Structures are given as structure tokens and as C-alpha cells.
Protein backbone atom coordinates (compact mmCIF):
# COMPACT_ATOMS: atom_id res chain seq x y z
CA UNK A 1 78.63 14.32 -230.30
CA UNK A 2 80.17 17.81 -229.80
CA UNK A 3 83.73 17.89 -231.46
CA UNK A 4 85.56 19.17 -228.54
CA UNK A 5 84.51 15.92 -226.82
CA UNK A 6 85.09 13.97 -230.26
CA UNK A 7 88.64 15.21 -230.24
CA UNK A 8 89.28 14.77 -226.45
CA UNK A 9 88.70 11.46 -227.22
CA UNK A 10 91.01 10.48 -230.60
CA UNK A 11 93.78 12.43 -228.85
CA UNK A 12 93.94 10.08 -225.43
CA UNK A 13 93.17 7.04 -228.13
CA UNK A 14 96.33 8.08 -230.11
CA UNK A 15 98.65 8.81 -227.01
CA UNK A 16 97.22 5.55 -225.68
CA UNK A 17 98.25 3.26 -228.33
CA UNK A 18 101.95 4.85 -228.70
CA UNK A 19 102.24 3.62 -225.16
CA UNK A 20 101.26 0.57 -225.92
CA UNK A 21 102.88 -0.21 -228.92
CA UNK A 22 105.92 1.44 -227.02
CA UNK A 23 105.56 -1.10 -224.34
CA UNK A 24 107.62 -3.60 -226.50
CA UNK A 25 108.71 -7.09 -224.86
CA UNK A 26 108.43 -5.48 -221.72
CA UNK A 27 105.98 -8.26 -220.91
CA UNK A 28 102.16 -9.20 -221.07
CA UNK A 29 101.73 -7.76 -217.51
CA UNK A 30 102.46 -4.43 -218.54
CA UNK A 31 100.17 -4.60 -221.66
CA UNK A 32 97.15 -5.71 -219.63
CA UNK A 33 97.77 -2.50 -217.10
CA UNK A 34 99.01 -0.19 -219.95
CA UNK A 35 95.30 -0.92 -221.07
CA UNK A 36 93.49 -0.83 -218.56
CA UNK A 37 95.10 2.75 -218.19
CA UNK A 38 93.99 3.80 -221.12
CA UNK A 39 90.54 2.19 -220.37
CA UNK A 40 90.53 4.71 -217.35
CA UNK A 41 91.35 7.41 -219.65
CA UNK A 42 89.35 7.45 -222.59
CA UNK A 43 85.91 7.29 -219.45
CA UNK A 44 87.38 9.75 -217.42
CA UNK A 45 87.68 12.09 -220.92
CA UNK A 46 84.11 10.90 -221.87
CA UNK A 47 82.68 12.57 -218.60
CA UNK A 48 84.50 16.01 -219.17
CA UNK A 49 81.68 17.11 -220.95
CA UNK A 50 79.74 20.13 -219.16
CA UNK A 51 76.77 18.42 -221.50
CA UNK A 52 74.99 16.11 -220.45
CA UNK A 53 73.79 15.03 -223.77
CA UNK A 54 77.71 14.34 -225.20
CA UNK A 55 78.67 12.39 -221.74
CA UNK A 56 75.79 9.93 -222.79
CA UNK A 57 76.97 10.04 -226.25
CA UNK A 58 80.62 9.54 -225.72
CA UNK A 59 80.31 6.43 -223.58
CA UNK A 60 77.77 4.74 -225.81
CA UNK A 61 80.45 4.92 -228.77
CA UNK A 62 83.43 3.67 -226.18
CA UNK A 63 80.78 0.41 -225.69
CA UNK A 64 79.34 0.18 -228.98
CA UNK A 65 82.78 0.82 -231.02
CA UNK A 66 84.44 -1.83 -228.02
CA UNK A 67 87.13 1.34 -227.49
CA UNK A 68 86.78 -0.25 -224.06
CA UNK A 69 88.89 -3.17 -223.68
CA UNK A 70 87.56 -4.78 -220.36
CA UNK A 71 83.81 -6.64 -220.78
CA UNK A 72 82.62 -5.92 -217.18
CA UNK A 73 83.35 -2.17 -217.46
CA UNK A 74 81.55 -2.40 -220.68
CA UNK A 75 78.32 -3.72 -218.98
CA UNK A 76 79.01 -1.61 -215.98
CA UNK A 77 78.40 1.92 -218.85
CA UNK A 78 75.64 1.03 -220.26
CA UNK A 79 73.67 1.96 -217.44
CA UNK A 80 73.92 5.58 -218.38
CA UNK A 81 72.91 5.20 -221.89
CA UNK A 82 70.20 2.14 -222.17
CA UNK A 83 67.01 1.35 -220.23
CA UNK A 84 64.19 3.17 -219.73
CA UNK A 85 65.50 5.76 -217.28
CA UNK A 86 69.76 5.72 -217.94
CA UNK A 87 71.32 6.99 -214.86
CA UNK A 88 72.93 10.53 -215.24
CA UNK A 89 76.72 9.95 -216.46
CA UNK A 90 78.57 12.49 -213.75
CA UNK A 91 80.81 15.20 -214.54
CA UNK A 92 84.77 14.67 -214.12
CA UNK A 93 85.92 18.11 -214.63
CA UNK A 94 89.42 18.29 -216.34
CA UNK A 95 91.80 21.23 -214.59
CA UNK A 96 93.06 21.63 -217.80
CA UNK A 97 91.80 20.34 -221.15
CA UNK A 98 93.92 19.09 -224.01
CA UNK A 99 95.37 21.64 -226.42
CA UNK A 100 94.79 24.03 -224.05
CA UNK A 101 97.63 26.99 -222.62
CA UNK A 102 97.51 28.08 -219.54
CA UNK A 103 99.52 31.01 -218.54
CA UNK A 104 100.42 30.52 -214.67
CA UNK A 105 103.52 33.38 -214.59
CA UNK A 106 103.38 35.97 -217.19
CA UNK A 107 106.61 37.58 -218.62
CA UNK A 108 107.18 40.94 -216.54
CA UNK A 109 110.36 43.47 -217.31
CA UNK A 110 111.70 41.91 -213.88
CA UNK A 111 111.74 38.41 -215.31
CA UNK A 112 111.68 38.76 -219.00
CA UNK A 113 115.61 37.82 -219.42
CA UNK A 114 115.16 34.78 -217.45
CA UNK A 115 114.39 31.26 -218.56
CA UNK A 116 111.01 30.29 -219.51
CA UNK A 117 109.42 27.10 -218.16
CA UNK A 118 106.72 25.36 -219.89
CA UNK A 119 104.80 23.15 -217.22
CA UNK A 120 103.53 20.48 -218.54
CA UNK A 121 101.06 17.70 -216.67
CA UNK A 122 100.38 14.15 -218.31
CA UNK A 123 97.25 13.34 -219.96
CA UNK A 124 96.44 10.49 -217.73
CA UNK A 125 96.33 13.17 -214.82
CA UNK A 126 94.31 16.09 -216.29
CA UNK A 127 91.83 14.88 -214.11
CA UNK A 128 93.38 14.28 -210.91
CA UNK A 129 93.15 16.52 -207.69
CA UNK A 130 96.75 15.29 -206.39
CA UNK A 131 98.20 16.52 -209.99
CA UNK A 132 96.45 19.36 -209.87
CA UNK A 133 97.88 20.14 -206.03
CA UNK A 134 101.24 18.97 -207.30
CA UNK A 135 101.19 21.66 -210.40
CA UNK A 136 100.18 24.42 -207.77
CA UNK A 137 103.33 23.52 -205.53
CA UNK A 138 105.50 23.45 -208.61
CA UNK A 139 104.49 26.79 -209.81
CA UNK A 140 104.25 28.24 -206.04
CA UNK A 141 108.49 27.08 -205.69
CA UNK A 142 109.35 28.21 -209.29
CA UNK A 143 107.89 31.42 -208.04
CA UNK A 144 109.50 31.84 -204.54
CA UNK A 145 113.05 30.86 -206.15
CA UNK A 146 113.15 34.08 -208.31
CA UNK A 147 115.52 32.13 -211.35
CA UNK A 148 112.50 31.86 -214.02
CA UNK A 149 110.51 33.92 -216.37
CA UNK A 150 107.24 32.78 -217.94
CA UNK A 151 105.84 29.87 -216.35
CA UNK A 152 103.07 27.99 -218.67
CA UNK A 153 101.01 25.29 -218.41
CA UNK A 154 99.94 22.62 -220.89
CA UNK A 155 98.76 18.89 -221.60
CA UNK A 156 101.77 15.93 -222.72
CA UNK A 157 99.65 14.13 -224.75
CA UNK A 158 99.04 13.01 -228.63
CA UNK A 159 100.98 12.67 -231.10
CA UNK A 160 102.64 16.45 -230.96
CA UNK A 161 105.00 14.86 -228.41
CA UNK A 162 105.58 11.23 -229.89
CA UNK A 163 109.02 11.64 -229.59
CA UNK A 164 108.56 11.29 -225.59
CA UNK A 165 105.22 9.35 -224.80
CA UNK A 166 104.08 8.84 -221.65
CA UNK A 167 105.05 6.04 -221.01
CA UNK A 168 108.58 7.10 -220.99
CA UNK A 169 108.03 9.75 -218.59
CA UNK A 170 105.45 8.30 -216.33
CA UNK A 171 106.22 8.27 -212.76
CA UNK A 172 108.64 11.08 -213.39
CA UNK A 173 109.53 14.72 -213.32
CA UNK A 174 110.74 14.84 -216.45
CA UNK A 175 113.04 18.38 -217.08
CA UNK A 176 113.72 18.55 -221.21
CA UNK A 177 116.30 21.09 -222.37
CA UNK A 178 118.60 21.83 -225.33
CA UNK A 179 121.60 20.00 -224.88
CA UNK A 180 124.65 22.02 -225.50
CA UNK A 181 122.76 25.21 -224.92
CA UNK A 182 123.99 27.78 -221.47
CA UNK A 183 120.31 27.05 -220.09
CA UNK A 184 121.62 23.40 -219.85
CA UNK A 185 123.08 24.68 -216.63
CA UNK A 186 120.06 25.43 -214.90
CA UNK A 187 118.95 22.16 -214.63
CA UNK A 188 120.47 21.82 -211.68
CA UNK A 189 119.22 25.17 -210.12
CA UNK A 190 115.42 24.61 -211.41
CA UNK A 191 115.71 21.20 -208.66
CA UNK A 192 116.64 22.72 -206.23
CA UNK A 193 114.44 25.14 -206.40
CA UNK A 194 111.90 22.36 -206.57
CA UNK A 195 113.23 20.25 -203.56
CA UNK A 196 110.53 21.55 -201.90
CA UNK A 197 107.99 20.01 -203.09
CA UNK A 198 107.03 16.68 -200.85
CA UNK A 199 105.14 15.00 -203.84
CA UNK A 200 107.58 15.72 -206.51
CA UNK A 201 107.90 12.50 -208.51
CA UNK A 202 111.44 11.48 -209.12
CA UNK A 203 113.28 14.48 -211.45
CA UNK A 204 115.14 13.16 -214.86
CA UNK A 205 116.35 15.20 -217.59
CA UNK A 206 115.88 13.86 -221.50
CA UNK A 207 117.83 16.10 -224.15
CA UNK A 208 115.38 18.07 -225.93
CA UNK A 209 113.94 15.28 -229.23
CA UNK A 210 112.11 18.32 -231.08
CA UNK A 211 113.07 22.02 -232.32
CA UNK A 212 115.59 23.51 -230.48
CA UNK A 213 113.84 26.28 -227.69
CA UNK A 214 116.92 28.33 -226.59
CA UNK A 215 115.95 29.87 -223.28
CA UNK A 216 113.09 27.41 -222.21
CA UNK A 217 112.87 24.59 -220.52
CA UNK A 218 109.89 21.63 -219.81
CA UNK A 219 109.68 20.42 -216.94
CA UNK A 220 106.79 17.18 -217.04
CA UNK A 221 105.05 16.33 -214.45
CA UNK A 222 103.62 12.56 -214.93
CA UNK A 223 102.84 11.33 -211.34
CA UNK A 224 101.93 7.43 -211.70
């Protein structure tokens, strides 16, 4: 199995189990829903490789190691690696890869003194066409506002962001700012700039739980 596929698999597992652990006493129904989401993320991740052999072997690993919880799903996946003529696993390409950083708007002389935006998409949505369309709409709105500097796109998943797991962010557009820093006052400006994005999930603000990052706002898009 290719190293990039293996890395993505373990990132998804870690973030998924962190989300499940964060459910606590919310109830059995929530636990089953979160586990079903993890199954879906693992399968989508396995189908992201450009290599047919890598996709097939990653699906085999998910089934053989019983990393997929649902028995019927495991049985269905066997058609892609068992028998004399296994089916070709389809490729599901992500619009951004785990650990990747894509500069959407570079730093220029005109925007160098404006607050930068780290734009994140939740890991569970990185292969979603509707999430890609949302990212494009948000980026366009930020540029048209003329109020912000460099915009970079990343994936919010894995243990780098365990202070705010996806289970806390899902269903929202979360602005993460340094409390007490002047940039916090720009939250209203950012929300106003995004007011015309029709598919935008509800906006909420979270004080930065990690190291201070002055003149930088993180915006995490995490649709259901």
C-alpha cells in the first residue's frame, strides 16, 4: 500500500476516534451516527488514490482488520478484491489532500497589511463537491470584500487540531481568533463579508485554543 494512502488512513482513524471519544454521554444514537461517518470517511479515503492497486489493497486492509464497523459494508467491499475477477475500485478524488496547504490568494503589496485567513474544510468534507463549491464561494466573497490578506486552504483533521475536534465544529462555520487581540474585532467584518454566501453554515466564534497567531483568523467550514 502506498505511503500516502497509509498516512491518510491513519489520519482519518485518529480524527474519527477522537470524535467518537468526544461524544461522551450524548447517547447511543449519536455514537452509531459518528461511527457510520467514520466508516464513510475511511472508504472515501481508500478510494482517493490514483493507483488502482493502492485503492484495492487499502479496502482489503479496512475489511481484514475490521476497521469498518458495519458487517454488510465489509461484505460489499469484498467484491473489489476477492474472486477471480474482482471489480475495479472507483476513484473518489479529494479537492484537497490531508496535510496539504493551497494558497488561494497570495500576499501582495496591496493586502500585506490586512489580516490573513486560514480557510479550512473539515476532513469529512474534503471529497464533497458541495463543500468544494462552498469553499469557492467563500473565497470569492473574501476577495470581493477587499478586507483581507492572504487566503490559504487546508484540511481540519487529525491530532494537530484535537483541541477543537470535528465533532465540535460540524454544522458550523467557525471563526477562530486570538481573544484580546485586535483581530478579534474583525470577526464582524468577516461575517459581513460572508453574508451573501447562501450555503454557508451558521457562523460561530471560538477563542484560539492553540498558540497565538496575531493578524490571522482561521475559518473552518464544516457542513453536515
